[in-house]
């Protein structure tokens, strides 16, 4: 009798966890998975060479120094 109660509680807990995971996947998980898998489109496909779409760090740093100088003035 005692084992039947424990088994019943265990089944109820496992079913509720499964349902919660299912609803979480439908609400948040699918969007997260799709956004992470779409991130690979942001990186260049030419083996890491700089293209027009990638960010040039030297250009960014020079722009930041110009902005800094204008703030100081």
N, C-alpha and C. Protein backbone atom coordinates (compact mmCIF):
# COMPACT_ATOMS: atom_id res chain seq x y z
N UNK A 1 0.82 -1.19 0.00
CA UNK A 1 0.00 0.00 0.00
C UNK A 1 0.87 1.26 0.00
N UNK A 2 1.88 1.25 0.83
CA UNK A 2 2.77 2.41 0.92
C UNK A 2 3.51 2.62 -0.39
N UNK A 3 3.96 1.55 -1.03
CA UNK A 3 4.67 1.66 -2.30
C UNK A 3 3.75 2.16 -3.42
N UNK A 4 2.48 1.78 -3.36
CA UNK A 4 1.53 2.26 -4.36
C UNK A 4 1.35 3.77 -4.28
N UNK A 5 1.30 4.30 -3.07
CA UNK A 5 1.16 5.74 -2.88
C UNK A 5 2.39 6.47 -3.39
N UNK A 6 3.57 5.94 -3.07
CA UNK A 6 4.82 6.56 -3.54
C UNK A 6 4.90 6.51 -5.05
N UNK A 7 4.53 5.40 -5.65
CA UNK A 7 4.56 5.27 -7.10
C UNK A 7 3.57 6.23 -7.75
N UNK A 8 2.40 6.37 -7.20
CA UNK A 8 1.40 7.30 -7.72
C UNK A 8 1.90 8.73 -7.66
N UNK A 9 2.48 9.11 -6.54
CA UNK A 9 3.03 10.46 -6.41
C UNK A 9 4.17 10.70 -7.40
N UNK A 10 5.00 9.71 -7.58
CA UNK A 10 6.11 9.83 -8.53
C UNK A 10 5.59 10.01 -9.95
N UNK A 11 4.57 9.27 -10.33
CA UNK A 11 3.99 9.40 -11.67
C UNK A 11 3.37 10.78 -11.85
N UNK A 12 2.67 11.27 -10.84
CA UNK A 12 2.06 12.60 -10.92
C UNK A 12 3.13 13.68 -11.07
N UNK A 13 4.21 13.58 -10.30
CA UNK A 13 5.29 14.55 -10.39
C UNK A 13 5.96 14.51 -11.76
N UNK A 14 6.23 13.32 -12.27
CA UNK A 14 6.86 13.21 -13.59
C UNK A 14 5.96 13.74 -14.70
N UNK A 15 4.66 13.48 -14.62
CA UNK A 15 3.74 14.01 -15.61
C UNK A 15 3.64 15.53 -15.55
N UNK A 16 3.63 16.08 -14.36
CA UNK A 16 3.56 17.53 -14.25
C UNK A 16 4.83 18.19 -14.76
N UNK A 17 5.99 17.58 -14.49
CA UNK A 17 7.25 18.13 -15.01
C UNK A 17 7.26 18.07 -16.54
N UNK A 18 6.77 16.97 -17.10
CA UNK A 18 6.72 16.83 -18.55
C UNK A 18 5.80 17.88 -19.17
N UNK A 19 4.64 18.09 -18.55
CA UNK A 19 3.73 19.10 -19.06
C UNK A 19 4.31 20.50 -18.96
N UNK A 20 4.97 20.80 -17.86
CA UNK A 20 5.58 22.13 -17.71
C UNK A 20 6.67 22.35 -18.75
N UNK A 21 7.48 21.32 -18.99
CA UNK A 21 8.51 21.45 -20.02
C UNK A 21 7.89 21.64 -21.40
N UNK A 22 6.82 20.94 -21.69
CA UNK A 22 6.15 21.09 -22.98
C UNK A 22 5.63 22.51 -23.18
N UNK A 23 4.93 23.04 -22.17
CA UNK A 23 4.40 24.40 -22.29
C UNK A 23 5.52 25.43 -22.34
N UNK A 24 6.61 25.21 -21.60
CA UNK A 24 7.75 26.12 -21.66
C UNK A 24 8.35 26.11 -23.06
N UNK A 25 8.47 24.93 -23.65
CA UNK A 25 9.04 24.83 -25.00
C UNK A 25 8.17 25.56 -26.00
N UNK A 26 6.85 25.40 -25.89
CA UNK A 26 5.95 26.07 -26.82
C UNK A 26 6.02 27.59 -26.67
N UNK A 27 6.19 28.09 -25.44
CA UNK A 27 6.15 29.53 -25.21
C UNK A 27 7.50 30.20 -25.42
N UNK A 28 8.59 29.62 -24.88
CA UNK A 28 9.90 30.27 -24.91
C UNK A 28 10.95 29.49 -25.68
N UNK A 29 11.00 28.20 -25.53
CA UNK A 29 12.10 27.39 -26.04
C UNK A 29 12.24 27.42 -27.54
N UNK A 30 11.12 27.36 -28.25
CA UNK A 30 11.19 27.34 -29.72
C UNK A 30 11.76 28.65 -30.24
N UNK A 31 11.36 29.79 -29.65
CA UNK A 31 11.90 31.08 -30.07
C UNK A 31 13.39 31.19 -29.78
N UNK A 32 13.80 30.71 -28.61
CA UNK A 32 15.23 30.76 -28.28
C UNK A 32 16.04 29.91 -29.23
N UNK A 33 15.55 28.71 -29.52
CA UNK A 33 16.26 27.82 -30.43
C UNK A 33 16.37 28.43 -31.82
N UNK A 34 15.29 29.01 -32.31
CA UNK A 34 15.31 29.63 -33.63
C UNK A 34 16.23 30.84 -33.68
N UNK A 35 16.24 31.65 -32.63
CA UNK A 35 17.12 32.83 -32.65
C UNK A 35 18.59 32.43 -32.56
N UNK A 36 18.89 31.39 -31.80
CA UNK A 36 20.28 30.93 -31.71
C UNK A 36 20.72 30.31 -33.03
N UNK A 37 19.84 29.55 -33.66
CA UNK A 37 20.22 28.94 -34.94
C UNK A 37 20.30 29.98 -36.05
N UNK A 38 19.59 31.10 -35.93
CA UNK A 38 19.69 32.17 -36.92
C UNK A 38 20.92 33.04 -36.71
N UNK A 39 21.59 32.93 -35.57
CA UNK A 39 22.79 33.73 -35.32
C UNK A 39 23.92 33.36 -36.26
N UNK A 40 23.92 32.13 -36.76
CA UNK A 40 25.01 31.73 -37.64
C UNK A 40 24.99 32.51 -38.94
N UNK A 41 23.87 33.13 -39.29
CA UNK A 41 23.80 33.95 -40.49
C UNK A 41 24.51 35.29 -40.31
N UNK A 42 24.80 35.66 -39.06
CA UNK A 42 25.45 36.94 -38.81
C UNK A 42 26.95 36.88 -39.04
N UNK A 43 27.54 35.70 -39.01
CA UNK A 43 28.98 35.56 -39.16
C UNK A 43 29.34 35.37 -40.63
N UNK A 44 30.52 35.85 -41.03
CA UNK A 44 30.91 35.72 -42.44
C UNK A 44 31.14 34.27 -42.81
N UNK A 45 30.84 33.96 -44.06
CA UNK A 45 30.96 32.58 -44.53
C UNK A 45 32.23 32.36 -45.36
N UNK A 46 33.10 33.38 -45.41
CA UNK A 46 34.29 33.25 -46.25
C UNK A 46 35.53 32.91 -45.43
N UNK A 47 35.37 32.16 -44.39
CA UNK A 47 36.52 31.69 -43.63
C UNK A 47 37.09 32.71 -42.67
N UNK A 48 36.33 33.71 -42.28
CA UNK A 48 36.81 34.69 -41.31
C UNK A 48 37.41 35.93 -41.93
N UNK A 49 37.47 36.01 -43.25
CA UNK A 49 37.99 37.21 -43.89
C UNK A 49 36.99 38.35 -43.72
N UNK A 50 37.51 39.56 -43.66
CA UNK A 50 36.63 40.71 -43.48
C UNK A 50 35.88 41.00 -44.78
N UNK A 51 34.59 41.19 -44.67
CA UNK A 51 33.78 41.57 -45.82
C UNK A 51 33.14 42.92 -45.52
N UNK A 52 32.33 43.38 -46.40
CA UNK A 52 31.68 44.68 -46.20
C UNK A 52 30.69 44.63 -45.05
N UNK A 53 30.16 43.46 -44.75
CA UNK A 53 29.15 43.35 -43.71
C UNK A 53 29.74 43.21 -42.30
N UNK A 54 31.01 42.89 -42.19
CA UNK A 54 31.60 42.70 -40.86
C UNK A 54 32.08 44.02 -40.30
N UNK A 55 32.25 44.04 -39.00
CA UNK A 55 32.65 45.26 -38.30
C UNK A 55 34.16 45.38 -38.27
N UNK A 56 34.68 46.52 -38.70
CA UNK A 56 36.12 46.77 -38.67
C UNK A 56 36.46 47.43 -37.34
N UNK A 57 37.24 46.77 -36.52
CA UNK A 57 37.54 47.23 -35.16
C UNK A 57 38.32 48.55 -35.20
N UNK A 58 39.28 48.68 -36.11
CA UNK A 58 40.07 49.93 -36.17
C UNK A 58 39.18 51.13 -36.49
N UNK A 59 38.24 50.95 -37.39
CA UNK A 59 37.34 52.04 -37.74
C UNK A 59 36.45 52.39 -36.53
N UNK A 60 36.00 51.39 -35.82
CA UNK A 60 35.18 51.63 -34.65
C UNK A 60 35.95 52.38 -33.57
N UNK A 61 37.20 51.98 -33.33
CA UNK A 61 38.00 52.63 -32.30
C UNK A 61 38.29 54.08 -32.68
N UNK A 62 38.55 54.36 -33.94
CA UNK A 62 38.80 55.74 -34.35
C UNK A 62 37.53 56.58 -34.18
N UNK A 63 36.38 55.99 -34.46
CA UNK A 63 35.12 56.70 -34.26
C UNK A 63 34.89 56.98 -32.77
N UNK A 64 35.24 56.02 -31.93
CA UNK A 64 35.07 56.21 -30.49
C UNK A 64 35.99 57.29 -29.95
N UNK A 65 37.21 57.35 -30.45
CA UNK A 65 38.11 58.40 -30.00
C UNK A 65 37.61 59.78 -30.45
N UNK A 66 37.05 59.87 -31.64
CA UNK A 66 36.47 61.13 -32.11
C UNK A 66 35.30 61.55 -31.22
N UNK A 67 34.48 60.60 -30.87
CA UNK A 67 33.34 60.89 -30.00
C UNK A 67 33.82 61.33 -28.63
N UNK A 68 34.84 60.67 -28.11
CA UNK A 68 35.42 61.05 -26.82
C UNK A 68 35.96 62.48 -26.86
N UNK A 69 36.66 62.83 -27.93
CA UNK A 69 37.22 64.17 -28.04
C UNK A 69 36.12 65.22 -28.10
N UNK A 70 35.04 64.92 -28.79
CA UNK A 70 33.95 65.90 -28.85
C UNK A 70 33.27 66.06 -27.49
N UNK A 71 33.18 64.99 -26.73
CA UNK A 71 32.61 65.10 -25.38
C UNK A 71 33.51 65.92 -24.46
N UNK A 72 34.81 65.76 -24.61
CA UNK A 72 35.74 66.51 -23.76
C UNK A 72 35.70 67.99 -24.07
N UNK A 73 35.45 68.35 -25.34
CA UNK A 73 35.37 69.78 -25.72
C UNK A 73 34.06 70.32 -25.19
